[in-house]
Amino acid sequence: MAVDPLSPIAPARIRALLLPVGRIKRSRFLAFVELLQPQCMVRLGDVSPDPRPDRSTNHRGTVPQM
């Protein structure tokens, strides 16, 4: 059974634009791209809450497991 992507407990999908900045060889840049490509989802439980006092403190750091 798939998790509804709009559910608050569903993993967040992220997209990032990768650009080679500075003097980097194409082969080295592509090696980093290959390392990052499988990492396309972030679970809420893996994200640390912001420790600054003016930020929300509602984060519990736990996600119900399905």
N, C-alpha and C. Protein backbone atom coordinates (compact mmCIF):
# COMPACT_ATOMS: atom_id res chain seq x y z
N MET A 1 0.84 -1.17 0.00
CA MET A 1 0.00 0.00 0.00
C MET A 1 0.89 1.24 0.00
N ALA A 2 0.68 2.13 -0.94
CA ALA A 2 1.48 3.34 -1.06
C ALA A 2 0.97 4.42 -0.11
N VAL A 3 1.91 5.23 0.37
CA VAL A 3 1.55 6.35 1.24
C VAL A 3 1.12 7.51 0.37
N ASP A 4 0.03 8.16 0.75
CA ASP A 4 -0.46 9.33 0.04
C ASP A 4 0.62 10.41 0.07
N PRO A 5 1.06 10.94 -1.09
CA PRO A 5 2.13 11.93 -1.10
C PRO A 5 1.75 13.24 -0.42
N LEU A 6 0.48 13.49 -0.21
CA LEU A 6 0.04 14.72 0.47
C LEU A 6 -0.14 14.52 1.97
N SER A 7 0.07 13.30 2.44
CA SER A 7 -0.06 13.00 3.87
C SER A 7 1.08 13.66 4.64
N PRO A 8 0.80 14.17 5.86
CA PRO A 8 1.88 14.79 6.64
C PRO A 8 2.96 13.82 7.09
N ILE A 9 2.70 12.51 7.00
CA ILE A 9 3.74 11.54 7.38
C ILE A 9 4.47 10.96 6.18
N ALA A 10 4.09 11.39 4.97
CA ALA A 10 4.76 10.91 3.76
C ALA A 10 6.15 11.54 3.65
N PRO A 11 7.11 10.82 3.09
CA PRO A 11 8.43 11.43 2.89
C PRO A 11 8.32 12.63 1.95
N ALA A 12 9.12 13.65 2.21
CA ALA A 12 9.13 14.83 1.35
C ALA A 12 10.04 14.55 0.16
N ARG A 13 9.55 14.85 -1.00
CA ARG A 13 10.38 14.71 -2.20
C ARG A 13 11.04 16.05 -2.46
N ILE A 14 12.32 16.00 -2.74
CA ILE A 14 13.06 17.23 -3.00
C ILE A 14 13.65 17.20 -4.40
N ARG A 15 13.76 18.36 -4.97
CA ARG A 15 14.42 18.49 -6.26
C ARG A 15 15.49 19.56 -6.09
N ALA A 16 16.63 19.32 -6.65
CA ALA A 16 17.74 20.28 -6.53
C ALA A 16 18.38 20.47 -7.89
N LEU A 17 18.73 21.68 -8.17
CA LEU A 17 19.45 21.99 -9.40
C LEU A 17 20.94 21.95 -9.08
N LEU A 18 21.65 21.05 -9.72
CA LEU A 18 23.09 20.92 -9.49
C LEU A 18 23.84 21.62 -10.61
N LEU A 19 24.71 22.52 -10.25
CA LEU A 19 25.50 23.26 -11.22
C LEU A 19 26.98 23.14 -10.88
N PRO A 20 27.81 22.89 -11.90
CA PRO A 20 29.24 22.86 -11.63
C PRO A 20 29.76 24.29 -11.48
N VAL A 21 30.22 24.62 -10.28
CA VAL A 21 30.70 25.97 -10.01
C VAL A 21 32.20 25.90 -9.80
N GLY A 22 32.90 26.81 -10.41
CA GLY A 22 34.36 26.83 -10.26
C GLY A 22 35.01 25.88 -11.25
N ARG A 23 36.24 25.56 -10.96
CA ARG A 23 37.01 24.69 -11.85
C ARG A 23 36.87 23.25 -11.37
N ILE A 24 35.95 22.53 -11.96
CA ILE A 24 35.74 21.12 -11.63
C ILE A 24 35.63 20.35 -12.93
N LYS A 25 36.29 19.21 -12.97
CA LYS A 25 36.24 18.39 -14.18
C LYS A 25 34.86 17.77 -14.33
N ARG A 26 34.44 17.61 -15.55
CA ARG A 26 33.12 17.04 -15.84
C ARG A 26 32.96 15.68 -15.18
N SER A 27 33.97 14.84 -15.26
CA SER A 27 33.88 13.49 -14.69
C SER A 27 33.69 13.53 -13.17
N ARG A 28 34.36 14.45 -12.50
CA ARG A 28 34.22 14.57 -11.04
C ARG A 28 32.82 15.09 -10.68
N PHE A 29 32.33 16.08 -11.41
CA PHE A 29 31.00 16.62 -11.18
C PHE A 29 29.95 15.52 -11.37
N LEU A 30 30.07 14.76 -12.44
CA LEU A 30 29.10 13.69 -12.71
C LEU A 30 29.16 12.60 -11.65
N ALA A 31 30.33 12.38 -11.06
CA ALA A 31 30.43 11.40 -9.97
C ALA A 31 29.63 11.87 -8.76
N PHE A 32 29.68 13.17 -8.45
CA PHE A 32 28.88 13.70 -7.35
C PHE A 32 27.39 13.64 -7.67
N VAL A 33 27.04 13.91 -8.90
CA VAL A 33 25.63 13.83 -9.32
C VAL A 33 25.11 12.42 -9.12
N GLU A 34 25.89 11.42 -9.49
CA GLU A 34 25.48 10.03 -9.32
C GLU A 34 25.29 9.67 -7.84
N LEU A 35 26.10 10.26 -6.97
CA LEU A 35 25.95 10.01 -5.53
C LEU A 35 24.65 10.61 -4.98
N LEU A 36 24.26 11.76 -5.51
CA LEU A 36 23.08 12.46 -5.00
C LEU A 36 21.77 11.97 -5.59
N GLN A 37 21.78 11.43 -6.80
CA GLN A 37 20.55 11.05 -7.47
C GLN A 37 19.67 10.09 -6.67
N PRO A 38 20.19 9.08 -6.01
CA PRO A 38 19.32 8.18 -5.24
C PRO A 38 18.71 8.83 -4.00
N GLN A 39 19.26 9.94 -3.56
CA GLN A 39 18.80 10.61 -2.34
C GLN A 39 17.73 11.63 -2.68
N CYS A 40 16.52 11.16 -2.97
CA CYS A 40 15.48 12.08 -3.42
C CYS A 40 14.35 12.24 -2.41
N MET A 41 14.44 11.57 -1.26
CA MET A 41 13.38 11.69 -0.26
C MET A 41 13.98 11.91 1.12
N VAL A 42 13.28 12.72 1.92
CA VAL A 42 13.71 13.02 3.28
C VAL A 42 12.54 12.73 4.21
N ARG A 43 12.76 11.85 5.20
CA ARG A 43 11.71 11.57 6.20
C ARG A 43 11.71 12.68 7.23
N LEU A 44 10.54 13.08 7.69
CA LEU A 44 10.43 14.13 8.69
C LEU A 44 11.20 13.77 9.96
N GLY A 45 11.22 12.52 10.33
CA GLY A 45 11.95 12.08 11.52
C GLY A 45 13.45 12.26 11.41
N ASP A 46 13.97 12.41 10.18
CA ASP A 46 15.40 12.60 9.97
C ASP A 46 15.81 14.07 10.05
N VAL A 47 14.84 14.98 10.17
CA VAL A 47 15.11 16.41 10.19
C VAL A 47 15.13 16.89 11.64
N SER A 48 16.21 17.54 12.01
CA SER A 48 16.32 18.08 13.37
C SER A 48 15.51 19.37 13.49
N PRO A 49 14.90 19.61 14.66
CA PRO A 49 14.18 20.86 14.85
C PRO A 49 15.15 22.04 14.92
N ASP A 50 14.68 23.20 14.57
CA ASP A 50 15.48 24.42 14.62
C ASP A 50 15.64 24.83 16.08
N PRO A 51 16.86 24.92 16.61
CA PRO A 51 17.05 25.23 18.03
C PRO A 51 16.82 26.69 18.39
N ARG A 52 16.67 27.57 17.41
CA ARG A 52 16.49 28.99 17.72
C ARG A 52 15.16 29.21 18.44
N PRO A 53 15.16 30.03 19.49
CA PRO A 53 13.96 30.19 20.32
C PRO A 53 12.78 30.83 19.59
N ASP A 54 13.02 31.57 18.53
CA ASP A 54 11.91 32.23 17.84
C ASP A 54 11.26 31.33 16.78
N ARG A 55 11.67 30.08 16.72
CA ARG A 55 11.11 29.13 15.75
C ARG A 55 10.08 28.25 16.42
N SER A 56 9.28 27.58 15.62
CA SER A 56 8.23 26.72 16.15
C SER A 56 8.82 25.58 16.98
N THR A 57 8.15 25.24 18.06
CA THR A 57 8.61 24.14 18.91
C THR A 57 7.65 22.96 18.81
N ASN A 58 6.83 22.93 17.77
CA ASN A 58 5.86 21.86 17.61
C ASN A 58 6.48 20.57 17.08
N HIS A 59 7.70 20.63 16.59
CA HIS A 59 8.35 19.46 16.01
C HIS A 59 8.70 18.47 17.10
N ARG A 60 8.31 17.23 16.94
CA ARG A 60 8.60 16.20 17.93
C ARG A 60 9.77 15.30 17.51
N GLY A 61 10.12 15.35 16.20
CA GLY A 61 11.21 14.52 15.73
C GLY A 61 10.83 13.06 15.53
N THR A 62 9.55 12.73 15.68
CA THR A 62 9.11 11.35 15.48
C THR A 62 8.00 11.33 14.47
N VAL A 63 7.96 10.26 13.72
CA VAL A 63 6.93 10.08 12.71
C VAL A 63 6.31 8.72 12.94
N PRO A 64 4.99 8.64 12.97
CA PRO A 64 4.35 7.33 13.12
C PRO A 64 4.76 6.39 11.99
N GLN A 65 5.11 5.17 12.32
CA GLN A 65 5.49 4.19 11.31
C GLN A 65 4.24 3.49 10.79
N MET A 66 4.20 3.26 9.50
CA MET A 66 3.05 2.58 8.90
C MET A 66 3.38 1.16 8.57
